[in-house]
Structures are given as structure tokens and as C-alpha cells.
């Protein structure tokens, strides 16, 4: 867990989102969903596209279009938190960041309700095998 958090910190500092990835993202998301993706922070786009690629290699999730969309939009409820705010959330908790799942639900509910539900539940312990796989990959 600590190593994955260090990797996330380094990705936040040094990571670059390649705009060419948008061509791939647009094949998965609707126009309205893409607008939401495009408004996400640089780091959240990098993290989400990376997660999307993990899902493509996962036997359970690779063919599930709803979960592929979730990979790209699961953190759409985050504003644009700084690295310090993200570290604070991991160490001590942060109400604003902890509510990102609900904020994401509210952004998505009128566009894709099933996706909105998954977004709201992506940090809740689940008995659903697909959500369990998703959560494991999200924590990488």
C-alpha cells in the first residue's frame, strides 16, 4: 500500500497526460461523458486512463463497457486537489475528497444512471466480483 501511494505521488508530480489518449477515450464515452472527463484534473485523467488500461488486461472486466467507463470517470467528483490535500486525505481524512464519489454520482446521474451508481459505490466494500476487481486495480 505504501509503495503504491509513493508511485501515485510521483505520478502526480511528474506524470503527463497525452492528449492523444482522448481519441481512445472518445470511443468509450459519450459526448456528455467525455465533457466530464475532459474537465478532470491532469492527475485524475492520468490515473483514470491508467486504470482503464489495467481493466483492458483483466479477464473479468475487459469486456464490460460500463466498468471501462467507470475506470475513466470514477474520480470525476474530485475538484482539483493539490498533492498536499491528497496526502492529508490519506493520512487524516478529508471530507471534500471523501465525498468525491457522491459528487461524481451527481455529475453523472442524468447522463448515465447505472454508471453514476457505480461511481458512487466504487469505494464501498462490495460482494460483487466485478467491483472487487475494479477496487483492486484502482488501488494499484
Protein backbone atom coordinates (compact mmCIF):
# COMPACT_ATOMS: atom_id res chain seq x y z
CA UNK A 1 0.00 0.00 0.00
CA UNK A 2 2.80 2.44 0.88
CA UNK A 3 4.66 1.73 -2.36
CA UNK A 4 1.51 2.33 -4.40
CA UNK A 5 0.99 5.66 -2.60
CA UNK A 6 4.57 6.70 -3.36
CA UNK A 7 4.03 5.78 -7.02
CA UNK A 8 0.84 7.87 -7.02
CA UNK A 9 2.73 10.83 -5.57
CA UNK A 10 5.45 10.56 -8.21
CA UNK A 11 2.81 10.26 -10.93
CA UNK A 12 1.12 13.38 -9.56
CA UNK A 13 4.38 15.34 -9.71
CA UNK A 14 5.92 14.02 -12.91
CA UNK A 15 3.04 12.48 -14.86
CA UNK A 16 1.89 13.96 -18.15
CA UNK A 17 -1.44 13.24 -19.79
CA UNK A 18 -1.06 12.57 -23.50
CA UNK A 19 -3.92 14.33 -25.32
CA UNK A 20 -3.75 11.60 -27.98
CA UNK A 21 -5.38 9.35 -25.37
CA UNK A 22 -8.55 11.40 -25.88
CA UNK A 23 -9.09 9.63 -29.21
CA UNK A 24 -9.35 6.33 -27.33
CA UNK A 25 -11.42 7.83 -24.51
CA UNK A 26 -13.93 9.21 -27.03
CA UNK A 27 -14.55 5.69 -28.35
CA UNK A 28 -15.68 4.59 -24.88
CA UNK A 29 -17.51 7.64 -23.53
CA UNK A 30 -20.50 9.51 -24.89
CA UNK A 31 -20.01 13.18 -25.78
CA UNK A 32 -21.52 14.28 -22.44
CA UNK A 33 -19.40 11.79 -20.51
CA UNK A 34 -16.29 12.95 -22.36
CA UNK A 35 -17.00 16.57 -21.38
CA UNK A 36 -16.88 15.47 -17.75
CA UNK A 37 -13.66 13.50 -18.33
CA UNK A 38 -12.10 16.46 -20.12
CA UNK A 39 -12.85 18.72 -17.14
CA UNK A 40 -10.98 16.45 -14.70
CA UNK A 41 -7.57 17.40 -13.34
CA UNK A 42 -4.43 16.34 -15.18
CA UNK A 43 -3.55 13.79 -12.49
CA UNK A 44 -7.05 12.31 -12.37
CA UNK A 45 -7.01 11.87 -16.16
CA UNK A 46 -3.63 10.12 -15.94
CA UNK A 47 -4.82 7.89 -13.09
CA UNK A 48 -8.12 7.10 -14.80
CA UNK A 49 -6.57 6.29 -18.17
CA UNK A 50 -4.00 4.09 -16.44
CA UNK A 51 -6.83 2.28 -14.62
CA UNK A 52 -8.68 1.88 -17.93
CA UNK A 53 -5.59 0.12 -19.34
CA UNK A 54 -5.43 -2.17 -16.29
CA UNK A 55 -9.07 -3.12 -16.92
CA UNK A 56 -8.33 -3.95 -20.56
CA UNK A 57 -5.86 -6.58 -19.31
CA UNK A 58 -8.24 -8.00 -16.69
CA UNK A 59 -10.13 -11.15 -17.72
CA UNK A 60 -13.17 -10.24 -15.61
CA UNK A 61 -13.53 -6.59 -16.65
CA UNK A 62 -12.00 -6.19 -20.11
CA UNK A 63 -15.29 -6.64 -22.00
CA UNK A 64 -17.56 -4.74 -19.61
CA UNK A 65 -18.17 -1.35 -21.23
CA UNK A 66 -19.81 0.05 -18.08
CA UNK A 67 -16.73 -0.71 -15.98
CA UNK A 68 -14.45 0.66 -18.70
CA UNK A 69 -16.45 3.91 -18.48
CA UNK A 70 -16.19 3.74 -14.69
CA UNK A 71 -12.41 3.49 -14.94
CA UNK A 72 -12.35 6.76 -16.86
CA UNK A 73 -14.91 8.62 -14.73
CA UNK A 74 -14.74 7.12 -11.22
CA UNK A 75 -12.92 10.18 -9.83
CA UNK A 76 -14.87 12.82 -11.76
CA UNK A 77 -16.28 14.15 -8.49
CA UNK A 78 -12.87 15.34 -7.30
CA UNK A 79 -12.30 19.04 -7.81
CA UNK A 80 -8.57 19.61 -8.48
CA UNK A 81 -6.98 18.81 -5.14
CA UNK A 82 -3.32 19.60 -4.58
CA UNK A 83 -0.78 16.93 -3.68
CA UNK A 84 -0.81 18.20 -0.07
CA UNK A 85 -4.60 17.84 0.11
CA UNK A 86 -4.37 14.30 -1.31
CA UNK A 87 -1.69 13.36 1.25
CA UNK A 88 -3.82 14.86 4.03
CA UNK A 89 -6.76 12.73 2.88
CA UNK A 90 -4.69 9.53 3.02
CA UNK A 91 -3.18 10.33 6.44
CA UNK A 92 -6.01 12.06 8.27
CA UNK A 93 -9.08 12.10 6.05
CA UNK A 94 -10.57 14.97 4.13
CA UNK A 95 -14.32 15.43 3.91
CA UNK A 96 -14.27 17.12 0.50
CA UNK A 97 -12.20 14.37 -1.12
CA UNK A 98 -14.10 11.64 0.72
CA UNK A 99 -17.33 12.96 -0.82
CA UNK A 100 -15.99 12.73 -4.37
CA UNK A 101 -17.98 9.55 -5.05
CA UNK A 102 -21.25 11.31 -4.26
CA UNK A 103 -20.20 14.37 -6.24
CA UNK A 104 -19.38 12.09 -9.17
CA UNK A 105 -22.80 10.45 -8.85
CA UNK A 106 -24.44 13.87 -9.06
CA UNK A 107 -22.45 14.78 -12.19
CA UNK A 108 -23.35 11.52 -13.94
CA UNK A 109 -26.87 10.65 -12.77
CA UNK A 110 -28.71 12.48 -15.57
CA UNK A 111 -26.31 11.21 -18.24
CA UNK A 112 -25.82 7.53 -17.33
CA UNK A 113 -27.59 6.42 -14.16
CA UNK A 114 -26.01 2.94 -13.99
CA UNK A 115 -22.56 4.48 -14.29
CA UNK A 116 -23.47 7.08 -11.65
CA UNK A 117 -24.42 4.31 -9.19
CA UNK A 118 -21.11 2.51 -9.77
CA UNK A 119 -19.25 5.80 -9.34
CA UNK A 120 -20.97 6.40 -6.01
CA UNK A 121 -20.14 2.87 -4.83
CA UNK A 122 -16.57 2.50 -6.07
CA UNK A 123 -15.07 2.90 -2.56
CA UNK A 124 -17.70 0.84 -0.72
CA UNK A 125 -16.79 -2.75 0.19
CA UNK A 126 -18.69 -4.91 -2.27
CA UNK A 127 -19.67 -8.55 -2.70
CA UNK A 128 -19.82 -8.05 -6.46
CA UNK A 129 -16.81 -9.73 -8.07
CA UNK A 130 -16.52 -7.08 -10.77
CA UNK A 131 -16.48 -4.24 -8.26
CA UNK A 132 -13.94 -6.12 -6.13
CA UNK A 133 -11.67 -6.47 -9.16
CA UNK A 134 -12.16 -2.81 -10.03
CA UNK A 135 -11.26 -1.72 -6.49
CA UNK A 136 -8.10 -3.85 -6.51
CA UNK A 137 -6.97 -2.29 -9.76
CA UNK A 138 -7.89 1.23 -8.60
CA UNK A 139 -5.57 0.79 -5.60
CA UNK A 140 -2.54 -0.14 -7.77
